[in-house]
């Protein structure tokens, strides 16, 4: 293996699921523009749209909450095609 190719600047970072406000702290090298204070300690903040706390596969819920409305747009555009063909 090549030497010195792995990052060395790991630090605690807060990841926040924006769909259910779940937060967790993990070590990462990711750059973050925002910060958050938890228990008196300031951490870099990374906002995520979906995590294992909100993903339907892990939560057991069958419907995905879509913040941008992409599922609805798809269903409006292509969902009624099978209905037209069967008439």
N, C-alpha and C. Protein backbone atom coordinates (compact mmCIF):
# COMPACT_ATOMS: atom_id res chain seq x y z
N UNK A 1 0.82 -1.18 0.00
CA UNK A 1 0.00 0.00 0.00
C UNK A 1 0.86 1.25 0.00
N UNK A 2 0.33 2.29 -0.61
CA UNK A 2 1.03 3.56 -0.59
C UNK A 2 0.95 4.17 0.80
N UNK A 3 1.99 4.87 1.16
CA UNK A 3 2.02 5.52 2.46
C UNK A 3 1.36 6.89 2.39
N UNK A 4 0.77 7.31 3.49
CA UNK A 4 0.19 8.65 3.67
C UNK A 4 -0.94 8.97 2.70
N UNK A 5 -1.76 7.99 2.32
CA UNK A 5 -2.90 8.30 1.47
C UNK A 5 -4.20 8.36 2.28
N UNK A 6 -4.18 7.83 3.50
CA UNK A 6 -5.36 7.87 4.35
C UNK A 6 -5.44 9.22 5.07
N UNK A 7 -6.64 9.79 5.23
CA UNK A 7 -6.77 11.06 5.94
C UNK A 7 -6.42 10.89 7.42
N UNK A 8 -5.89 11.95 7.99
CA UNK A 8 -5.51 11.89 9.41
C UNK A 8 -6.28 12.91 10.24
N UNK A 9 -7.16 13.68 9.64
CA UNK A 9 -7.85 14.74 10.36
C UNK A 9 -9.27 14.34 10.78
N UNK A 10 -9.43 13.14 11.33
CA UNK A 10 -10.73 12.71 11.83
C UNK A 10 -11.09 13.50 13.07
N UNK A 11 -12.38 13.87 13.17
CA UNK A 11 -12.86 14.60 14.33
C UNK A 11 -14.34 14.25 14.51
N UNK A 12 -14.92 14.48 15.70
CA UNK A 12 -16.35 14.23 15.89
C UNK A 12 -17.18 15.21 15.07
N UNK A 13 -18.18 14.71 14.37
CA UNK A 13 -19.08 15.51 13.54
C UNK A 13 -20.51 15.07 13.84
N UNK A 14 -21.43 16.03 13.88
CA UNK A 14 -22.84 15.73 14.11
C UNK A 14 -23.54 15.61 12.76
N UNK A 15 -24.26 14.52 12.57
CA UNK A 15 -25.07 14.30 11.39
C UNK A 15 -26.53 14.42 11.82
N UNK A 16 -27.32 15.25 11.11
CA UNK A 16 -28.70 15.50 11.49
C UNK A 16 -29.63 15.09 10.35
N UNK A 17 -30.58 14.21 10.66
CA UNK A 17 -31.60 13.80 9.70
C UNK A 17 -32.68 14.87 9.70
N UNK A 18 -32.87 15.55 8.57
CA UNK A 18 -33.79 16.68 8.51
C UNK A 18 -35.25 16.25 8.47
N UNK A 19 -35.54 15.00 8.16
CA UNK A 19 -36.93 14.56 8.09
C UNK A 19 -37.52 14.26 9.46
N UNK A 20 -36.69 13.86 10.43
CA UNK A 20 -37.23 13.57 11.76
C UNK A 20 -36.41 14.17 12.90
N UNK A 21 -35.47 15.05 12.57
CA UNK A 21 -34.65 15.78 13.55
C UNK A 21 -33.77 14.87 14.41
N UNK A 22 -33.50 13.65 13.96
CA UNK A 22 -32.62 12.73 14.67
C UNK A 22 -31.17 13.20 14.47
N UNK A 23 -30.37 13.20 15.53
CA UNK A 23 -28.96 13.58 15.43
C UNK A 23 -28.09 12.45 15.97
N UNK A 24 -26.92 12.29 15.38
CA UNK A 24 -25.94 11.36 15.92
C UNK A 24 -24.55 11.89 15.64
N UNK A 25 -23.62 11.52 16.50
CA UNK A 25 -22.24 11.99 16.42
C UNK A 25 -21.37 10.83 15.95
N UNK A 26 -20.54 11.12 14.96
CA UNK A 26 -19.61 10.14 14.43
C UNK A 26 -18.31 10.84 14.07
N UNK A 27 -17.25 10.07 13.93
CA UNK A 27 -15.98 10.66 13.50
C UNK A 27 -15.95 10.71 11.98
N UNK A 28 -15.50 11.85 11.45
CA UNK A 28 -15.48 12.03 10.00
C UNK A 28 -14.45 13.08 9.62
N UNK A 29 -14.11 13.11 8.33
CA UNK A 29 -13.22 14.14 7.81
C UNK A 29 -13.97 15.14 6.95
N UNK A 30 -15.29 15.03 6.87
CA UNK A 30 -16.11 15.87 6.00
C UNK A 30 -16.02 17.34 6.42
N UNK A 31 -16.02 18.23 5.44
CA UNK A 31 -16.02 19.66 5.72
C UNK A 31 -17.46 20.11 5.94
N UNK A 32 -17.69 20.91 6.97
CA UNK A 32 -19.04 21.38 7.27
C UNK A 32 -18.99 22.89 7.48
N UNK A 33 -20.01 23.57 6.93
CA UNK A 33 -20.07 25.02 7.06
C UNK A 33 -20.80 25.44 8.33
N UNK A 34 -21.71 24.59 8.81
CA UNK A 34 -22.51 24.93 9.99
C UNK A 34 -21.99 24.21 11.21
N UNK A 35 -22.37 24.72 12.39
CA UNK A 35 -22.00 24.08 13.65
C UNK A 35 -23.25 23.94 14.50
N UNK A 36 -23.18 23.07 15.49
CA UNK A 36 -24.26 22.86 16.43
C UNK A 36 -23.65 22.59 17.80
N UNK A 37 -24.36 23.03 18.83
CA UNK A 37 -23.87 22.81 20.19
C UNK A 37 -24.70 21.71 20.85
N UNK A 38 -24.02 20.68 21.33
CA UNK A 38 -24.66 19.57 22.03
C UNK A 38 -23.93 19.36 23.34
N UNK A 39 -24.65 19.44 24.45
CA UNK A 39 -24.10 19.27 25.79
C UNK A 39 -22.92 20.20 26.05
N UNK A 40 -23.00 21.42 25.55
CA UNK A 40 -21.97 22.41 25.80
C UNK A 40 -20.75 22.31 24.90
N UNK A 41 -20.76 21.39 23.96
CA UNK A 41 -19.63 21.20 23.04
C UNK A 41 -20.12 21.56 21.64
N UNK A 42 -19.32 22.34 20.90
CA UNK A 42 -19.67 22.74 19.54
C UNK A 42 -19.05 21.76 18.55
N UNK A 43 -19.89 21.24 17.66
CA UNK A 43 -19.47 20.28 16.66
C UNK A 43 -19.81 20.81 15.27
N UNK A 44 -19.08 20.39 14.23
CA UNK A 44 -19.49 20.67 12.86
C UNK A 44 -20.79 19.92 12.57
N UNK A 45 -21.69 20.52 11.77
CA UNK A 45 -23.00 19.93 11.50
C UNK A 45 -23.13 19.60 10.02
N UNK A 46 -23.57 18.37 9.73
CA UNK A 46 -23.85 17.93 8.37
C UNK A 46 -25.32 17.54 8.34
N UNK A 47 -26.11 18.17 7.45
CA UNK A 47 -27.53 17.89 7.35
C UNK A 47 -27.76 16.83 6.27
N UNK A 48 -28.57 15.83 6.61
CA UNK A 48 -28.88 14.74 5.70
C UNK A 48 -30.38 14.68 5.47
N UNK A 49 -30.80 14.29 4.26
CA UNK A 49 -32.23 14.17 3.97
C UNK A 49 -32.80 12.86 4.49
N UNK A 50 -32.01 11.80 4.48
CA UNK A 50 -32.51 10.51 4.91
C UNK A 50 -31.38 9.71 5.55
N UNK A 51 -31.70 9.03 6.65
CA UNK A 51 -30.74 8.17 7.34
C UNK A 51 -31.45 6.88 7.70
N UNK A 52 -30.78 6.01 8.43
CA UNK A 52 -31.43 4.77 8.84
C UNK A 52 -32.58 5.03 9.81
N UNK A 53 -32.60 6.20 10.45
CA UNK A 53 -33.69 6.53 11.36
C UNK A 53 -34.97 6.91 10.63
N UNK A 54 -34.89 7.26 9.34
CA UNK A 54 -36.08 7.65 8.60
C UNK A 54 -36.30 6.85 7.31
N UNK A 55 -35.38 5.98 6.94
CA UNK A 55 -35.51 5.20 5.72
C UNK A 55 -36.56 4.10 5.90
N UNK A 56 -37.48 3.93 4.94
CA UNK A 56 -38.55 2.94 5.08
C UNK A 56 -38.06 1.51 5.30
N UNK A 57 -36.94 1.15 4.74
CA UNK A 57 -36.42 -0.21 4.91
C UNK A 57 -36.09 -0.48 6.37
N UNK A 58 -35.49 0.49 7.05
CA UNK A 58 -35.07 0.30 8.43
C UNK A 58 -36.19 0.57 9.43
N UNK A 59 -37.13 1.43 9.09
CA UNK A 59 -38.20 1.78 10.02
C UNK A 59 -39.41 0.86 9.90
N UNK A 60 -39.54 0.15 8.79
CA UNK A 60 -40.68 -0.73 8.58
C UNK A 60 -41.89 -0.02 8.00
N UNK A 61 -41.79 1.26 7.76
CA UNK A 61 -42.88 2.00 7.14
C UNK A 61 -42.78 1.84 5.64
N UNK A 62 -43.93 1.64 4.99
CA UNK A 62 -43.88 1.36 3.56
C UNK A 62 -43.85 2.61 2.70
N UNK A 63 -44.23 3.76 3.24
CA UNK A 63 -44.28 4.97 2.44
C UNK A 63 -43.09 5.86 2.75
N UNK A 64 -42.45 6.36 1.73
CA UNK A 64 -41.31 7.25 1.85
C UNK A 64 -41.81 8.69 1.87
N UNK A 65 -41.40 9.45 2.87
CA UNK A 65 -41.76 10.86 2.94
C UNK A 65 -40.80 11.60 2.03
N UNK A 66 -41.35 12.23 1.01
CA UNK A 66 -40.53 12.89 0.00
C UNK A 66 -40.70 14.39 0.14
N UNK A 67 -39.62 15.08 0.52
CA UNK A 67 -39.71 16.51 0.76
C UNK A 67 -39.85 17.31 -0.52
N UNK A 68 -39.35 16.80 -1.62
CA UNK A 68 -39.39 17.56 -2.87
C UNK A 68 -40.60 17.23 -3.73
N UNK A 69 -41.40 16.22 -3.34
CA UNK A 69 -42.56 15.85 -4.13
C UNK A 69 -42.25 15.07 -5.38
N UNK A 70 -41.10 14.45 -5.45
CA UNK A 70 -40.71 13.73 -6.66
C UNK A 70 -41.58 12.50 -6.90
N UNK A 71 -41.97 11.82 -5.83
CA UNK A 71 -42.80 10.63 -5.98
C UNK A 71 -44.16 11.03 -6.54
N UNK A 72 -44.74 12.11 -6.04
CA UNK A 72 -46.03 12.58 -6.53
C UNK A 72 -45.94 13.00 -8.00
N UNK A 73 -44.87 13.69 -8.37
CA UNK A 73 -44.70 14.10 -9.76
C UNK A 73 -44.62 12.87 -10.67
N UNK A 74 -43.88 11.85 -10.22
CA UNK A 74 -43.75 10.63 -11.02
C UNK A 74 -45.09 9.94 -11.18
N UNK A 75 -45.84 9.82 -10.08
CA UNK A 75 -47.13 9.14 -10.13
C UNK A 75 -48.12 9.92 -11.00
N UNK A 76 -48.09 11.25 -10.94
CA UNK A 76 -48.98 12.04 -11.79
C UNK A 76 -48.64 11.88 -13.26
N UNK A 77 -47.36 11.80 -13.55
CA UNK A 77 -46.93 11.73 -14.93
C UNK A 77 -47.06 10.33 -15.51
N UNK A 78 -46.62 9.31 -14.76
CA UNK A 78 -46.54 7.96 -15.31
C UNK A 78 -47.46 6.95 -14.63
N UNK A 79 -48.02 7.28 -13.49
CA UNK A 79 -48.82 6.32 -12.74
C UNK A 79 -50.13 5.96 -13.39
N UNK A 80 -50.70 6.85 -14.19
CA UNK A 80 -52.00 6.58 -14.81
C UNK A 80 -51.89 5.93 -16.18
N UNK A 81 -50.71 5.62 -16.64
CA UNK A 81 -50.55 5.01 -17.96
C UNK A 81 -51.15 3.63 -18.04
N UNK A 82 -51.00 2.84 -16.99
CA UNK A 82 -51.57 1.49 -16.99
C UNK A 82 -53.09 1.55 -16.98
N UNK A 83 -53.68 2.53 -16.36
CA UNK A 83 -55.14 2.67 -16.31
C UNK A 83 -55.69 2.98 -17.70
N UNK A 84 -55.00 3.82 -18.47
CA UNK A 84 -55.45 4.19 -19.82
C UNK A 84 -55.40 2.98 -20.76
N UNK A 85 -54.37 2.15 -20.61
CA UNK A 85 -54.19 1.01 -21.51
C UNK A 85 -55.21 -0.09 -21.23
N UNK A 86 -55.71 -0.21 -20.02
CA UNK A 86 -56.62 -1.29 -19.69
C UNK A 86 -58.07 -0.95 -20.03
N UNK A 87 -58.39 0.27 -20.34
CA UNK A 87 -59.77 0.66 -20.64
C UNK A 87 -60.18 0.26 -22.01
